[in-house]
Structure formats: structure tokens, C-alpha cells
Amino acid sequence: MRQAKIYMKDKFAGILTESGTENYIFQYNEEYLNQKDTEAVSLTIPLQKAPHESQILFPFFDGLIPEGWLLDIAETNWKISKKDRMGLLLTCCKDCIGAVSVRPME
């Protein structure tokens, strides 16, 4: 099981979990939900207390992964398969363009 902390504008928003059964769960942090002017990380992952579940990596998070020659560099340098979407997300998306960042859980 791999997990990532998801940050929205440098505020801890929630945890993305990949279980061993090809299932993904995103759970918003309760403190984040209780803050004033909180924003969803994506329109497809609305603010709610209940966890969001998906059989595939949520398309929003998959869209953060580099493409083309940048993906080739990540695959070559870090020996991560293009099919390992969670591995690529954890490795390449710590400092994304935009408001969301992904940090591996220790």
C-alpha cells in the first residue's frame, strides 16, 4: 500500500491511498474541510467527509504526471515503468505547476 499527502496551495488537503487491490481512495483531511474558503483539489473530487474511491488512479491525479520526453526521462532515470502511475505521481509531482502538490508519506 502506497500513500501520498495531497496539498492544495500548501495546505494539507488529504491522503491518496493505493491499496494492493488496484483500488484508489482519496480522503479529505477533516481540518482542511473545516477551514474557511476551502477549495476542492478538483471539480471531479468534490469536498466531502466520505472517501472518494476509484478502480483506477483518479484522472485528475493521473493528469499531473509528466508526458512525452519528460516521462521518458523519469522512466530512464528513476527506473519507473510508465504503467506504474502511482509511482510516477509520487516521484514526479512534488512540485507541480498549479495549486496541487503530491508528497510521499514516510
PDB file of N, CA and C in Angstrom:
ATOM      1  N   MET A   1       0.846  -1.172   0.000  1.00  0.00           N
ATOM      2  CA  MET A   1       0.000   0.000   0.000  1.00  0.00           C
ATOM      3  C   MET A   1       0.895   1.240   0.000  1.00  0.00           C
ATOM      4  N   ARG A   2       0.637   2.126  -0.951  1.00  0.00           N
ATOM      5  CA  ARG A   2       1.382   3.377  -1.026  1.00  0.00           C
ATOM      6  C   ARG A   2       0.428   4.534  -0.770  1.00  0.00           C
ATOM      7  N   GLN A   3       0.962   5.574  -0.119  1.00  0.00           N
ATOM      8  CA  GLN A   3       0.147   6.727   0.208  1.00  0.00           C
ATOM      9  C   GLN A   3       0.886   8.017  -0.105  1.00  0.00           C
ATOM     10  N   ALA A   4       0.101   9.045  -0.381  1.00  0.00           N
ATOM     11  CA  ALA A   4       0.657  10.374  -0.639  1.00  0.00           C
ATOM     12  C   ALA A   4      -0.171  11.413   0.092  1.00  0.00           C
ATOM     13  N   LYS A   5       0.526  12.430   0.600  1.00  0.00           N
ATOM     14  CA  LYS A   5      -0.158  13.587   1.163  1.00  0.00           C
ATOM     15  C   LYS A   5      -0.409  14.557   0.013  1.00  0.00           C
ATOM     16  N   ILE A   6      -1.638  15.019  -0.075  1.00  0.00           N
ATOM     17  CA  ILE A   6      -2.012  15.952  -1.130  1.00  0.00           C
ATOM     18  C   ILE A   6      -2.167  17.336  -0.513  1.00  0.00           C
ATOM     19  N   TYR A   7      -1.498  18.310  -1.119  1.00  0.00           N
ATOM     20  CA  TYR A   7      -1.545  19.685  -0.637  1.00  0.00           C
ATOM     21  C   TYR A   7      -2.219  20.566  -1.678  1.00  0.00           C
ATOM     22  N   MET A   8      -3.050  21.487  -1.194  1.00  0.00           N
ATOM     23  CA  MET A   8      -3.719  22.464  -2.043  1.00  0.00           C
ATOM     24  C   MET A   8      -3.248  23.839  -1.581  1.00  0.00           C
ATOM     25  N   LYS A   9      -2.501  24.525  -2.435  1.00  0.00           N
ATOM     26  CA  LYS A   9      -1.933  25.830  -2.087  1.00  0.00           C
ATOM     27  C   LYS A   9      -1.176  25.743  -0.756  1.00  0.00           C
ATOM     28  N   ASP A  10      -0.363  24.733  -0.615  1.00  0.00           N
ATOM     29  CA  ASP A  10       0.479  24.486   0.565  1.00  0.00           C
ATOM     30  C   ASP A  10      -0.297  24.169   1.836  1.00  0.00           C
ATOM     31  N   LYS A  11      -1.579  23.875   1.719  1.00  0.00           N
ATOM     32  CA  LYS A  11      -2.377  23.416   2.866  1.00  0.00           C
ATOM     33  C   LYS A  11      -2.632  21.922   2.691  1.00  0.00           C
ATOM     34  N   PHE A  12      -2.421  21.164   3.760  1.00  0.00           N
ATOM     35  CA  PHE A  12      -2.644  19.723   3.706  1.00  0.00           C
ATOM     36  C   PHE A  12      -4.130  19.453   3.473  1.00  0.00           C
ATOM     37  N   ALA A  13      -4.456  18.889   2.307  1.00  0.00           N
ATOM     38  CA  ALA A  13      -5.851  18.682   1.918  1.00  0.00           C
ATOM     39  C   ALA A  13      -6.350  17.270   2.180  1.00  0.00           C
ATOM     40  N   GLY A  14      -5.479  16.271   2.067  1.00  0.00           N
ATOM     41  CA  GLY A  14      -5.944  14.901   2.258  1.00  0.00           C
ATOM     42  C   GLY A  14      -4.899  13.875   1.899  1.00  0.00           C
ATOM     43  N   ILE A  15      -5.334  12.615   1.909  1.00  0.00           N
ATOM     44  CA  ILE A  15      -4.428  11.498   1.647  1.00  0.00           C
ATOM     45  C   ILE A  15      -4.965  10.661   0.492  1.00  0.00           C
ATOM     46  N   LEU A  16      -4.069  10.380  -0.451  1.00  0.00           N
ATOM     47  CA  LEU A  16      -4.369   9.480  -1.559  1.00  0.00           C
ATOM     48  C   LEU A  16      -3.715   8.146  -1.246  1.00  0.00           C
ATOM     49  N   THR A  17      -4.507   7.077  -1.320  1.00  0.00           N
ATOM     50  CA  THR A  17      -4.020   5.740  -0.995  1.00  0.00           C
ATOM     51  C   THR A  17      -4.220   4.807  -2.177  1.00  0.00           C
ATOM     52  N   GLU A  18      -3.183   4.036  -2.481  1.00  0.00           N
ATOM     53  CA  GLU A  18      -3.274   2.952  -3.461  1.00  0.00           C
ATOM     54  C   GLU A  18      -3.195   1.653  -2.678  1.00  0.00           C
ATOM     55  N   SER A  19      -4.277   0.901  -2.694  1.00  0.00           N
ATOM     56  CA  SER A  19      -4.244  -0.388  -1.993  1.00  0.00           C
ATOM     57  C   SER A  19      -3.729  -1.449  -2.954  1.00  0.00           C
ATOM     58  N   GLY A  20      -3.396  -2.599  -2.430  1.00  0.00           N
ATOM     59  CA  GLY A  20      -2.851  -3.665  -3.250  1.00  0.00           C
ATOM     60  C   GLY A  20      -3.850  -4.275  -4.214  1.00  0.00           C
ATOM     61  N   THR A  21      -5.113  -3.886  -4.121  1.00  0.00           N
ATOM     62  CA  THR A  21      -6.150  -4.474  -4.959  1.00  0.00           C
ATOM     63  C   THR A  21      -6.540  -3.581  -6.133  1.00  0.00           C
ATOM     64  N   GLU A  22      -5.592  -2.724  -6.587  1.00  0.00           N
ATOM     65  CA  GLU A  22      -5.851  -1.819  -7.705  1.00  0.00           C
ATOM     66  C   GLU A  22      -7.010  -0.876  -7.390  1.00  0.00           C
ATOM     67  N   ASN A  23      -7.117  -0.475  -6.151  1.00  0.00           N
ATOM     68  CA  ASN A  23      -8.165   0.435  -5.722  1.00  0.00           C
ATOM     69  C   ASN A  23      -7.509   1.697  -5.173  1.00  0.00           C
ATOM     70  N   TYR A  24      -8.075   2.845  -5.499  1.00  0.00           N
ATOM     71  CA  TYR A  24      -7.543   4.119  -5.042  1.00  0.00           C
ATOM     72  C   TYR A  24      -8.588   4.821  -4.188  1.00  0.00           C
ATOM     73  N   ILE A  25      -8.120   5.439  -3.121  1.00  0.00           N
ATOM     74  CA  ILE A  25      -9.005   6.166  -2.208  1.00  0.00           C
ATOM     75  C   ILE A  25      -8.389   7.535  -1.950  1.00  0.00           C
ATOM     76  N   PHE A  26      -9.215   8.573  -2.062  1.00  0.00           N
ATOM     77  CA  PHE A  26      -8.792   9.904  -1.649  1.00  0.00           C
ATOM     78  C   PHE A  26      -9.719  10.350  -0.532  1.00  0.00           C
ATOM     79  N   GLN A  27      -9.120  10.729   0.592  1.00  0.00           N
ATOM     80  CA  GLN A  27      -9.865  11.169   1.772  1.00  0.00           C
ATOM     81  C   GLN A  27      -9.407  12.573   2.143  1.00  0.00           C
ATOM     82  N   TYR A  28     -10.361  13.516   2.127  1.00  0.00           N
ATOM     83  CA  TYR A  28     -10.025  14.864   2.569  1.00  0.00           C
ATOM     84  C   TYR A  28      -9.728  14.863   4.065  1.00  0.00           C
ATOM     85  N   ASN A  29      -8.789  15.702   4.461  1.00  0.00           N
ATOM     86  CA  ASN A  29      -8.453  15.894   5.865  1.00  0.00           C
ATOM     87  C   ASN A  29      -9.588  16.691   6.523  1.00  0.00           C
ATOM     88  N   GLU A  30     -10.020  16.244   7.688  1.00  0.00           N
ATOM     89  CA  GLU A  30     -11.152  16.894   8.365  1.00  0.00           C
ATOM     90  C   GLU A  30     -10.848  18.346   8.708  1.00  0.00           C
ATOM     91  N   GLU A  31      -9.634  18.626   9.140  1.00  0.00           N
ATOM     92  CA  GLU A  31      -9.259  20.011   9.450  1.00  0.00           C
ATOM     93  C   GLU A  31      -9.319  20.888   8.198  1.00  0.00           C
ATOM     94  N   TYR A  32      -8.918  20.327   7.073  1.00  0.00           N
ATOM     95  CA  TYR A  32      -8.977  21.067   5.812  1.00  0.00           C
ATOM     96  C   TYR A  32     -10.426  21.389   5.463  1.00  0.00           C
ATOM     97  N   LEU A  33     -11.312  20.413   5.635  1.00  0.00           N
ATOM     98  CA  LEU A  33     -12.725  20.623   5.326  1.00  0.00           C
ATOM     99  C   LEU A  33     -13.349  21.701   6.205  1.00  0.00           C
ATOM    100  N   ASN A  34     -12.854  21.852   7.424  1.00  0.00           N
ATOM    101  CA  ASN A  34     -13.421  22.818   8.366  1.00  0.00           C
ATOM    102  C   ASN A  34     -12.866  24.225   8.219  1.00  0.00           C
ATOM    103  N   GLN A  35     -11.858  24.417   7.385  1.00  0.00           N
ATOM    104  CA  GLN A  35     -11.272  25.745   7.195  1.00  0.00           C
ATOM    105  C   GLN A  35     -12.188  26.617   6.337  1.00  0.00           C
ATOM    106  N   LYS A  36     -12.076  27.925   6.545  1.00  0.00           N
ATOM    107  CA  LYS A  36     -12.856  28.872   5.761  1.00  0.00           C
ATOM    108  C   LYS A  36     -12.303  28.941   4.340  1.00  0.00           C
ATOM    109  N   ASP A  37     -13.173  29.076   3.370  1.00  0.00           N
ATOM    110  CA  ASP A  37     -12.805  29.215   1.953  1.00  0.00           C
ATOM    111  C   ASP A  37     -12.004  28.032   1.411  1.00  0.00           C
ATOM    112  N   THR A  38     -12.310  26.831   1.877  1.00  0.00           N
ATOM    113  CA  THR A  38     -11.634  25.623   1.388  1.00  0.00           C
ATOM    114  C   THR A  38     -12.074  25.329  -0.044  1.00  0.00           C
ATOM    115  N   GLU A  39     -11.121  24.906  -0.861  1.00  0.00           N
ATOM    116  CA  GLU A  39     -11.399  24.545  -2.248  1.00  0.00           C
ATOM    117  C   GLU A  39     -11.144  23.062  -2.469  1.00  0.00           C
ATOM    118  N   ALA A  40     -11.925  22.460  -3.345  1.00  0.00           N
ATOM    119  CA  ALA A  40     -11.684  21.073  -3.736  1.00  0.00           C
ATOM    120  C   ALA A  40     -10.402  21.007  -4.556  1.00  0.00           C
ATOM    121  N   VAL A  41      -9.688  19.889  -4.476  1.00  0.00           N
ATOM    122  CA  VAL A  41      -8.477  19.751  -5.288  1.00  0.00           C
ATOM    123  C   VAL A  41      -8.826  19.652  -6.767  1.00  0.00           C
ATOM    124  N   SER A  42     -10.049  19.214  -7.055  1.00  0.00           N
ATOM    125  CA  SER A  42     -10.520  19.089  -8.431  1.00  0.00           C
ATOM    126  C   SER A  42     -12.042  19.137  -8.434  1.00  0.00           C
ATOM    127  N   LEU A  43     -12.626  19.580  -9.532  1.00  0.00           N
ATOM    128  CA  LEU A  43     -14.083  19.554  -9.648  1.00  0.00           C
ATOM    129  C   LEU A  43     -14.617  18.124  -9.640  1.00  0.00           C
ATOM    130  N   THR A  44     -13.773  17.180 -10.060  1.00  0.00           N
ATOM    131  CA  THR A  44     -14.187  15.773 -10.093  1.00  0.00           C
ATOM    132  C   THR A  44     -14.011  15.074  -8.752  1.00  0.00           C
ATOM    133  N   ILE A  45     -13.400  15.771  -7.784  1.00  0.00           N
ATOM    134  CA  ILE A  45     -13.213  15.233  -6.430  1.00  0.00           C
ATOM    135  C   ILE A  45     -13.753  16.283  -5.452  1.00  0.00           C
ATOM    136  N   PRO A  46     -15.081  16.410  -5.374  1.00  0.00           N
ATOM    137  CA  PRO A  46     -15.674  17.471  -4.555  1.00  0.00           C
ATOM    138  C   PRO A  46     -15.390  17.304  -3.067  1.00  0.00           C
ATOM    139  N   LEU A  47     -15.520  18.407  -2.348  1.00  0.00           N
ATOM    140  CA  LEU A  47     -15.335  18.388  -0.897  1.00  0.00           C
ATOM    141  C   LEU A  47     -16.423  17.523  -0.255  1.00  0.00           C
ATOM    142  N   GLN A  48     -16.004  16.566   0.561  1.00  0.00           N
ATOM    143  CA  GLN A  48     -16.934  15.734   1.319  1.00  0.00           C
ATOM    144  C   GLN A  48     -16.157  14.962   2.372  1.00  0.00           C
ATOM    145  N   LYS A  49     -16.873  14.577   3.435  1.00  0.00           N
ATOM    146  CA  LYS A  49     -16.220  13.819   4.503  1.00  0.00           C
ATOM    147  C   LYS A  49     -15.992  12.361   4.112  1.00  0.00           C
ATOM    148  N   ALA A  50     -16.895  11.800   3.331  1.00  0.00           N
ATOM    149  CA  ALA A  50     -16.766  10.403   2.906  1.00  0.00           C
ATOM    150  C   ALA A  50     -15.616  10.275   1.911  1.00  0.00           C
ATOM    151  N   PRO A  51     -14.901   9.161   1.938  1.00  0.00           N
ATOM    152  CA  PRO A  51     -13.787   8.979   0.994  1.00  0.00           C
ATOM    153  C   PRO A  51     -14.276   8.807  -0.439  1.00  0.00           C
ATOM    154  N   HIS A  52     -13.463   9.261  -1.374  1.00  0.00           N
ATOM    155  CA  HIS A  52     -13.700   9.042  -2.801  1.00  0.00           C
ATOM    156  C   HIS A  52     -12.957   7.762  -3.176  1.00  0.00           C
ATOM    157  N   GLU A  53     -13.588   6.882  -3.929  1.00  0.00           N
ATOM    158  CA  GLU A  53     -12.957   5.621  -4.334  1.00  0.00           C
ATOM    159  C   GLU A  53     -12.996   5.466  -5.843  1.00  0.00           C
ATOM    160  N   SER A  54     -11.962   4.809  -6.380  1.00  0.00           N
ATOM    161  CA  SER A  54     -11.873   4.592  -7.818  1.00  0.00           C
ATOM    162  C   SER A  54     -11.090   3.308  -8.097  1.00  0.00           C
ATOM    163  N   GLN A  55     -11.445   2.626  -9.177  1.00  0.00           N
ATOM    164  CA  GLN A  55     -10.728   1.427  -9.604  1.00  0.00           C
ATOM    165  C   GLN A  55      -9.424   1.772 -10.315  1.00  0.00           C
ATOM    166  N   ILE A  56      -9.324   2.998 -10.800  1.00  0.00           N
ATOM    167  CA  ILE A  56      -8.118   3.488 -11.477  1.00  0.00           C
ATOM    168  C   ILE A  56      -7.644   4.739 -10.746  1.00  0.00           C
ATOM    169  N   LEU A  57      -6.401   5.137 -10.995  1.00  0.00           N
ATOM    170  CA  LEU A  57      -5.918   6.384 -10.416  1.00  0.00           C
ATOM    171  C   LEU A  57      -6.836   7.500 -10.905  1.00  0.00           C
ATOM    172  N   PHE A  58      -7.309   8.315  -9.981  1.00  0.00           N
ATOM    173  CA  PHE A  58      -8.231   9.388 -10.335  1.00  0.00           C
ATOM    174  C   PHE A  58      -7.657  10.170 -11.521  1.00  0.00           C
ATOM    175  N   PRO A  59      -8.462  10.432 -12.551  1.00  0.00           N
ATOM    176  CA  PRO A  59      -7.951  11.129 -13.734  1.00  0.00           C
ATOM    177  C   PRO A  59      -7.269  12.461 -13.412  1.00  0.00           C
ATOM    178  N   PHE A  60      -7.759  13.179 -12.402  1.00  0.00           N
ATOM    179  CA  PHE A  60      -7.110  14.438 -12.033  1.00  0.00           C
ATOM    180  C   PHE A  60      -5.654  14.205 -11.640  1.00  0.00           C
ATOM    181  N   PHE A  61      -5.408  13.223 -10.773  1.00  0.00           N
ATOM    182  CA  PHE A  61      -4.043  12.946 -10.329  1.00  0.00           C
ATOM    183  C   PHE A  61      -3.206  12.373 -11.468  1.00  0.00           C
ATOM    184  N   ASP A  62      -3.806  11.546 -12.302  1.00  0.00           N
ATOM    185  CA  ASP A  62      -3.093  10.990 -13.451  1.00  0.00           C
ATOM    186  C   ASP A  62      -2.648  12.106 -14.394  1.00  0.00           C
ATOM    187  N   GLY A  63      -3.453  13.156 -14.484  1.00  0.00           N
ATOM    188  CA  GLY A  63      -3.123  14.284 -15.346  1.00  0.00           C
ATOM    189  C   GLY A  63      -1.943  15.111 -14.858  1.00  0.00           C
ATOM    190  N   LEU A  64      -1.546  14.945 -13.599  1.00  0.00           N
ATOM    191  CA  LEU A  64      -0.384  15.662 -13.070  1.00  0.00           C
ATOM    192  C   LEU A  64       0.931  15.028 -13.511  1.00  0.00           C
ATOM    193  N   ILE A  65       0.878  13.765 -13.926  1.00  0.00           N
ATOM    194  CA  ILE A  65       2.083  13.024 -14.309  1.00  0.00           C
ATOM    195  C   ILE A  65       2.613  13.563 -15.639  1.00  0.00           C
ATOM    196  N   PRO A  66       3.941  13.769 -15.733  1.00  0.00           N
ATOM    197  CA  PRO A  66       4.503  14.301 -16.985  1.00  0.00           C
ATOM    198  C   PRO A  66       4.262  13.362 -18.164  1.00  0.00           C
ATOM    199  N   GLU A  67       4.334  13.948 -19.355  1.00  0.00           N
ATOM    200  CA  GLU A  67       4.137  13.181 -20.589  1.00  0.00           C
ATOM    201  C   GLU A  67       5.332  13.382 -21.511  1.00  0.00           C
ATOM    202  N   GLY A  68       5.360  12.616 -22.569  1.00  0.00           N
ATOM    203  CA  GLY A  68       6.369  12.783 -23.617  1.00  0.00           C
ATOM    204  C   GLY A  68       7.787  12.575 -23.129  1.00  0.00           C
ATOM    205  N   TRP A  69       8.666  13.477 -23.527  1.00  0.00           N
ATOM    206  CA  TRP A  69      10.084  13.320 -23.210  1.00  0.00           C
ATOM    207  C   TRP A  69      10.347  13.420 -21.712  1.00  0.00           C
ATOM    208  N   LEU A  70       9.531  14.191 -20.970  1.00  0.00           N
ATOM    209  CA  LEU A  70       9.712  14.249 -19.512  1.00  0.00           C
ATOM    210  C   LEU A  70       9.387  12.901 -18.865  1.00  0.00           C
ATOM    211  N   LEU A  71       8.370  12.245 -19.382  1.00  0.00           N
ATOM    212  CA  LEU A  71       8.029  10.906 -18.882  1.00  0.00           C
ATOM    213  C   LEU A  71       9.153   9.926 -19.210  1.00  0.00           C
ATOM    214  N   ASP A  72       9.727  10.045 -20.395  1.00  0.00           N
ATOM    215  CA  ASP A  72      10.855   9.181 -20.774  1.00  0.00           C
ATOM    216  C   ASP A  72      12.034   9.371 -19.827  1.00  0.00           C
ATOM    217  N   ILE A  73      12.306  10.619 -19.451  1.00  0.00           N
ATOM    218  CA  ILE A  73      13.403  10.904 -18.514  1.00  0.00           C
ATOM    219  C   ILE A  73      13.115  10.265 -17.155  1.00  0.00           C
ATOM    220  N   ALA A  74      11.885  10.403 -16.677  1.00  0.00           N
ATOM    221  CA  ALA A  74      11.518   9.814 -15.385  1.00  0.00           C
ATOM    222  C   ALA A  74      11.657   8.293 -15.425  1.00  0.00           C
ATOM    223  N   GLU A  75      11.217   7.704 -16.519  1.00  0.00           N
ATOM    224  CA  GLU A  75      11.302   6.245 -16.657  1.00  0.00           C
ATOM    225  C   GLU A  75      12.761   5.779 -16.687  1.00  0.00           C
ATOM    226  N   THR A  76      13.603   6.500 -17.398  1.00  0.00           N
ATOM    227  CA  THR A  76      15.007   6.121 -17.525  1.00  0.00           C
ATOM    228  C   THR A  76      15.796   6.371 -16.244  1.00  0.00           C
ATOM    229  N   ASN A  77      15.669   7.569 -15.684  1.00  0.00           N
ATOM    230  CA  ASN A  77      16.473   7.947 -14.519  1.00  0.00           C
ATOM    231  C   ASN A  77      16.045   7.267 -13.227  1.00  0.00           C
ATOM    232  N   TRP A  78      14.739   7.120 -13.030  1.00  0.00           N
ATOM    233  CA  TRP A  78      14.254   6.553 -11.764  1.00  0.00           C
ATOM    234  C   TRP A  78      13.794   5.108 -11.913  1.00  0.00           C
ATOM    235  N   LYS A  79      13.921   4.568 -13.120  1.00  0.00           N
ATOM    236  CA  LYS A  79      13.552   3.164 -13.375  1.00  0.00           C
ATOM    237  C   LYS A  79      12.113   2.868 -12.951  1.00  0.00           C
ATOM    238  N   ILE A  80      11.207   3.777 -13.322  1.00  0.00           N
ATOM    239  CA  ILE A  80       9.787   3.612 -13.018  1.00  0.00           C
ATOM    240  C   ILE A  80       9.049   3.329 -14.316  1.00  0.00           C
ATOM    241  N   SER A  81       8.279   2.267 -14.332  1.00  0.00           N
ATOM    242  CA  SER A  81       7.507   1.915 -15.516  1.00  0.00           C
ATOM    243  C   SER A  81       6.425   2.954 -15.784  1.00  0.00           C
ATOM    244  N   LYS A  82       6.144   3.200 -17.054  1.00  0.00           N
ATOM    245  CA  LYS A  82       5.062   4.117 -17.423  1.00  0.00           C
ATOM    246  C   LYS A  82       3.718   3.618 -16.917  1.00  0.00           C
ATOM    247  N   LYS A  83       3.608   2.328 -16.659  1.00  0.00           N
ATOM    248  CA  LYS A  83       2.363   1.741 -16.159  1.00  0.00           C
ATOM    249  C   LYS A  83       2.194   1.935 -14.655  1.00  0.00           C
ATOM    250  N   ASP A  84       3.268   2.255 -13.948  1.00  0.00           N
ATOM    251  CA  ASP A  84       3.212   2.474 -12.501  1.00  0.00           C
ATOM    252  C   ASP A  84       2.821   3.929 -12.245  1.00  0.00           C
ATOM    253  N   ARG A  85       1.553   4.224 -12.401  1.00  0.00           N
ATOM    254  CA  ARG A  85       1.079   5.600 -12.314  1.00  0.00           C
ATOM    255  C   ARG A  85       1.265   6.186 -10.920  1.00  0.00           C
ATOM    256  N   MET A  86       1.019   5.396  -9.883  1.00  0.00           N
ATOM    257  CA  MET A  86       1.196   5.904  -8.520  1.00  0.00           C
ATOM    258  C   MET A  86       2.672   6.190  -8.255  1.00  0.00           C
ATOM    259  N   GLY A  87       3.543   5.313  -8.710  1.00  0.00           N
ATOM    260  CA  GLY A  87       4.982   5.524  -8.549  1.00  0.00           C
ATOM    261  C   GLY A  87       5.438   6.801  -9.240  1.00  0.00           C
ATOM    262  N   LEU A  88       4.947   7.049 -10.436  1.00  0.00           N
ATOM    263  CA  LEU A  88       5.285   8.271 -11.161  1.00  0.00           C
ATOM    264  C   LEU A  88       4.738   9.505 -10.447  1.00  0.00           C
ATOM    265  N   LEU A  89       3.515   9.401  -9.941  1.00  0.00           N
ATOM    266  CA  LEU A  89       2.908  10.512  -9.212  1.00  0.00           C
ATOM    267  C   LEU A  89       3.733  10.854  -7.978  1.00  0.00           C
ATOM    268  N   LEU A  90       4.136   9.829  -7.226  1.00  0.00           N
ATOM    269  CA  LEU A  90       4.911  10.045  -6.010  1.00  0.00           C
ATOM    270  C   LEU A  90       6.293  10.631  -6.303  1.00  0.00           C
ATOM    271  N   THR A  91       6.878  10.252  -7.408  1.00  0.00           N
ATOM    272  CA  THR A  91       8.239  10.679  -7.748  1.00  0.00           C
ATOM    273  C   THR A  91       8.293  12.029  -8.452  1.00  0.00           C
ATOM    274  N   CYS A  92       7.347  12.275  -9.343  1.00  0.00           N
ATOM    275  CA  CYS A  92       7.450  13.441 -10.234  1.00  0.00           C
ATOM    276  C   CYS A  92       6.564  14.628  -9.873  1.00  0.00           C
ATOM    277  N   CYS A  93       5.681  14.486  -8.913  1.00  0.00           N
ATOM    278  CA  CYS A  93       4.664  15.530  -8.723  1.00  0.00           C
ATOM    279  C   CYS A  93       4.754  16.254  -7.386  1.00  0.00           C
ATOM    280  N   LYS A  94       5.972  16.343  -6.847  1.00  0.00           N
ATOM    281  CA  LYS A  94       6.142  17.056  -5.579  1.00  0.00           C
ATOM    282  C   LYS A  94       6.000  18.556  -5.773  1.00  0.00           C
ATOM    283  N   ASP A  95       6.367  19.051  -6.931  1.00  0.00           N
ATOM    284  CA  ASP A  95       6.318  20.482  -7.208  1.00  0.00           C
ATOM    285  C   ASP A  95       5.693  20.691  -8.582  1.00  0.00           C
ATOM    286  N   CYS A  96       4.388  20.504  -8.640  1.00  0.00           N
ATOM    287  CA  CYS A  96       3.661  20.620  -9.912  1.00  0.00           C
ATOM    288  C   CYS A  96       3.349  22.074 -10.246  1.00  0.00           C
ATOM    289  N   ILE A  97       3.057  22.305 -11.501  1.00  0.00           N
ATOM    290  CA  ILE A  97       2.525  23.596 -11.899  1.00  0.00           C
ATOM    291  C   ILE A  97       1.076  23.612 -11.429  1.00  0.00           C
ATOM    292  N   GLY A  98       0.689  24.676 -10.769  1.00  0.00           N
ATOM    293  CA  GLY A  98      -0.679  24.776 -10.275  1.00  0.00           C
ATOM    294  C   GLY A  98      -0.729  24.728  -8.761  1.00  0.00           C
ATOM    295  N   ALA A  99      -1.915  24.553  -8.235  1.00  0.00           N
ATOM    296  CA  ALA A  99      -2.144  24.656  -6.797  1.00  0.00           C
ATOM    297  C   ALA A  99      -1.913  23.362  -6.030  1.00  0.00           C
ATOM    298  N   VAL A 100      -1.899  22.227  -6.711  1.00  0.00           N
ATOM    299  CA  VAL A 100      -1.819  20.930  -6.038  1.00  0.00           C
ATOM    300  C   VAL A 100      -0.404  20.374  -6.089  1.00  0.00           C
ATOM    301  N   SER A 101       0.038  19.813  -4.954  1.00  0.00           N
ATOM    302  CA  SER A 101       1.320  19.098  -4.917  1.00  0.00           C
ATOM    303  C   SER A 101       1.115  17.771  -4.203  1.00  0.00           C
ATOM    304  N   VAL A 102       1.988  16.834  -4.532  1.00  0.00           N
ATOM    305  CA  VAL A 102       1.892  15.460  -4.023  1.00  0.00           C
ATOM    306  C   VAL A 102       3.192  15.132  -3.312  1.00  0.00           C
ATOM    307  N   ARG A 103       3.086  14.690  -2.071  1.00  0.00           N
ATOM    308  CA  ARG A 103       4.294  14.335  -1.302  1.00  0.00           C
ATOM    309  C   ARG A 103       4.134  12.925  -0.751  1.00  0.00           C
ATOM    310  N   PRO A 104       5.122  12.080  -0.973  1.00  0.00           N
ATOM    311  CA  PRO A 104       5.041  10.705  -0.466  1.00  0.00           C
ATOM    312  C   PRO A 104       4.944  10.681   1.059  1.00  0.00           C
ATOM    313  N   MET A 105       4.198   9.734   1.581  1.00  0.00           N
ATOM    314  CA  MET A 105       4.131   9.544   3.027  1.00  0.00           C
ATOM    315  C   MET A 105       5.343   8.726   3.433  1.00  0.00           C
ATOM    316  N   GLU A 106       5.953   9.098   4.519  1.00  0.00           N
ATOM    317  CA  GLU A 106       7.125   8.372   5.021  1.00  0.00           C
ATOM    318  C   GLU A 106       6.688   7.117   5.742  1.00  0.00           C
TER     319      GLU A 106
END
